[in-house]
Amino acid sequence: MRYITIVFAFCILGIWLFNVKTLREVTSLEKELKIANENLEELEKELDKKIMFYDSKLDLDKIRRDMEAKGMKVSDGVIYFEIEE
């Protein structure tokens, strides 16, 4: 009976140590994930700013006038694809 108690105690100790180790690993991985998500948010904000800046500099009317001045025709009704039923 005494041997069974000692073996049982060692099993519980081993499980407890494994649990502590895995909890530490999970905690460190969660911290890394939080940092990566913060960096991702910052990069997405920067990308949005660059897109807005590009869109503000893009003057489609000027491009259209330049194309028409060079003799090109600009069409408003371009159909890129149609879905037939």
C-alpha atoms as a PDB file:
ATOM      1  CA  MET A   1       0.000   0.000   0.000  1.00  0.00           C
ATOM      2  CA  ARG A   2       2.855   2.313   0.822  1.00  0.00           C
ATOM      3  CA  TYR A   3       4.432   1.822  -2.626  1.00  0.00           C
ATOM      4  CA  ILE A   4       1.164   2.650  -4.343  1.00  0.00           C
ATOM      5  CA  THR A   5       0.948   5.903  -2.362  1.00  0.00           C
ATOM      6  CA  ILE A   6       4.521   6.843  -3.311  1.00  0.00           C
ATOM      7  CA  VAL A   7       3.932   6.051  -7.004  1.00  0.00           C
ATOM      8  CA  PHE A   8       0.677   8.007  -6.926  1.00  0.00           C
ATOM      9  CA  ALA A   9       2.442  10.996  -5.312  1.00  0.00           C
ATOM     10  CA  PHE A  10       5.165  10.936  -7.987  1.00  0.00           C
ATOM     11  CA  CYS A  11       2.520  10.819 -10.720  1.00  0.00           C
ATOM     12  CA  ILE A  12       0.737  13.814  -9.240  1.00  0.00           C
ATOM     13  CA  LEU A  13       4.026  15.693  -8.896  1.00  0.00           C
ATOM     14  CA  GLY A  14       4.940  14.908 -12.524  1.00  0.00           C
ATOM     15  CA  ILE A  15       1.562  16.082 -13.802  1.00  0.00           C
ATOM     16  CA  TRP A  16       1.793  19.251 -11.709  1.00  0.00           C
ATOM     17  CA  LEU A  17       5.279  20.061 -13.047  1.00  0.00           C
ATOM     18  CA  PHE A  18       4.163  19.416 -16.638  1.00  0.00           C
ATOM     19  CA  ASN A  19       1.157  21.694 -16.097  1.00  0.00           C
ATOM     20  CA  VAL A  20       3.354  24.520 -14.789  1.00  0.00           C
ATOM     21  CA  LYS A  21       5.714  24.167 -17.748  1.00  0.00           C
ATOM     22  CA  THR A  22       2.929  24.240 -20.331  1.00  0.00           C
ATOM     23  CA  LEU A  23       1.232  27.204 -18.641  1.00  0.00           C
ATOM     24  CA  ARG A  24       4.476  29.175 -18.841  1.00  0.00           C
ATOM     25  CA  GLU A  25       4.879  28.316 -22.525  1.00  0.00           C
ATOM     26  CA  VAL A  26       1.298  29.323 -23.293  1.00  0.00           C
ATOM     27  CA  THR A  27       1.713  32.598 -21.418  1.00  0.00           C
ATOM     28  CA  SER A  28       4.879  33.493 -23.326  1.00  0.00           C
ATOM     29  CA  LEU A  29       3.235  32.612 -26.650  1.00  0.00           C
ATOM     30  CA  GLU A  30       0.203  34.764 -25.783  1.00  0.00           C
ATOM     31  CA  LYS A  31       2.506  37.703 -25.045  1.00  0.00           C
ATOM     32  CA  GLU A  32       4.234  37.248 -28.413  1.00  0.00           C
ATOM     33  CA  LEU A  33       0.855  37.048 -30.144  1.00  0.00           C
ATOM     34  CA  LYS A  34      -0.303  40.253 -28.460  1.00  0.00           C
ATOM     35  CA  ILE A  35       2.837  42.067 -29.623  1.00  0.00           C
ATOM     36  CA  ALA A  36       2.423  40.719 -33.161  1.00  0.00           C
ATOM     37  CA  ASN A  37      -1.232  41.844 -33.249  1.00  0.00           C
ATOM     38  CA  GLU A  38      -0.251  45.337 -32.088  1.00  0.00           C
ATOM     39  CA  ASN A  39       2.379  45.535 -34.834  1.00  0.00           C
ATOM     40  CA  LEU A  40      -0.177  44.314 -37.373  1.00  0.00           C
ATOM     41  CA  GLU A  41      -2.651  47.005 -36.326  1.00  0.00           C
ATOM     42  CA  GLU A  42       0.013  49.693 -36.648  1.00  0.00           C
ATOM     43  CA  LEU A  43       0.995  48.464 -40.117  1.00  0.00           C
ATOM     44  CA  GLU A  44      -2.663  48.347 -41.210  1.00  0.00           C
ATOM     45  CA  LYS A  45      -3.144  51.942 -40.030  1.00  0.00           C
ATOM     46  CA  GLU A  46      -0.035  53.007 -41.933  1.00  0.00           C
ATOM     47  CA  LEU A  47      -1.269  51.214 -45.058  1.00  0.00           C
ATOM     48  CA  ASP A  48      -4.666  52.915 -44.776  1.00  0.00           C
ATOM     49  CA  LYS A  49      -2.933  56.303 -44.510  1.00  0.00           C
ATOM     50  CA  LYS A  50      -0.853  55.559 -47.615  1.00  0.00           C
ATOM     51  CA  ILE A  51      -3.943  54.464 -49.544  1.00  0.00           C
ATOM     52  CA  MET A  52      -5.799  57.633 -48.554  1.00  0.00           C
ATOM     53  CA  PHE A  53      -2.786  59.757 -49.554  1.00  0.00           C
ATOM     54  CA  TYR A  54      -2.549  58.005 -52.923  1.00  0.00           C
ATOM     55  CA  ASP A  55      -6.273  58.396 -53.535  1.00  0.00           C
ATOM     56  CA  SER A  56      -6.120  62.091 -52.670  1.00  0.00           C
ATOM     57  CA  LYS A  57      -3.269  62.637 -55.155  1.00  0.00           C
ATOM     58  CA  LEU A  58      -4.966  60.676 -57.908  1.00  0.00           C
ATOM     59  CA  ASP A  59      -6.890  63.052 -60.166  1.00  0.00           C
ATOM     60  CA  LEU A  60      -8.984  60.993 -62.556  1.00  0.00           C
ATOM     61  CA  ASP A  61     -10.447  64.026 -64.314  1.00  0.00           C
ATOM     62  CA  LYS A  62      -6.972  65.289 -65.200  1.00  0.00           C
ATOM     63  CA  ILE A  63      -6.005  61.875 -66.555  1.00  0.00           C
ATOM     64  CA  ARG A  64      -9.208  61.801 -68.630  1.00  0.00           C
ATOM     65  CA  ARG A  65      -8.536  65.288 -70.071  1.00  0.00           C
ATOM     66  CA  ASP A  66      -4.950  64.333 -70.937  1.00  0.00           C
ATOM     67  CA  MET A  67      -6.128  61.188 -72.702  1.00  0.00           C
ATOM     68  CA  GLU A  68      -8.794  63.089 -74.654  1.00  0.00           C
ATOM     69  CA  ALA A  69      -6.243  65.764 -75.605  1.00  0.00           C
ATOM     70  CA  LYS A  70      -4.026  63.048 -77.102  1.00  0.00           C
ATOM     71  CA  GLY A  71      -6.906  61.796 -79.217  1.00  0.00           C
ATOM     72  CA  MET A  72      -7.859  58.823 -77.099  1.00  0.00           C
ATOM     73  CA  LYS A  73     -11.454  58.043 -76.334  1.00  0.00           C
ATOM     74  CA  VAL A  74     -12.637  57.419 -72.806  1.00  0.00           C
ATOM     75  CA  SER A  75     -15.701  55.295 -72.281  1.00  0.00           C
ATOM     76  CA  ASP A  76     -17.934  55.480 -69.231  1.00  0.00           C
ATOM     77  CA  GLY A  77     -19.905  52.372 -70.047  1.00  0.00           C
ATOM     78  CA  VAL A  78     -17.264  49.659 -70.033  1.00  0.00           C
ATOM     79  CA  ILE A  79     -18.704  46.256 -69.189  1.00  0.00           C
ATOM     80  CA  TYR A  80     -15.967  44.126 -67.773  1.00  0.00           C
ATOM     81  CA  PHE A  81     -18.034  40.967 -67.504  1.00  0.00           C
ATOM     82  CA  GLU A  82     -21.634  39.937 -67.686  1.00  0.00           C
ATOM     83  CA  ILE A  83     -23.480  37.181 -65.917  1.00  0.00           C
ATOM     84  CA  GLU A  84     -26.005  35.505 -68.136  1.00  0.00           C
ATOM     85  CA  GLU A  85     -28.843  33.591 -66.602  1.00  0.00           C
END
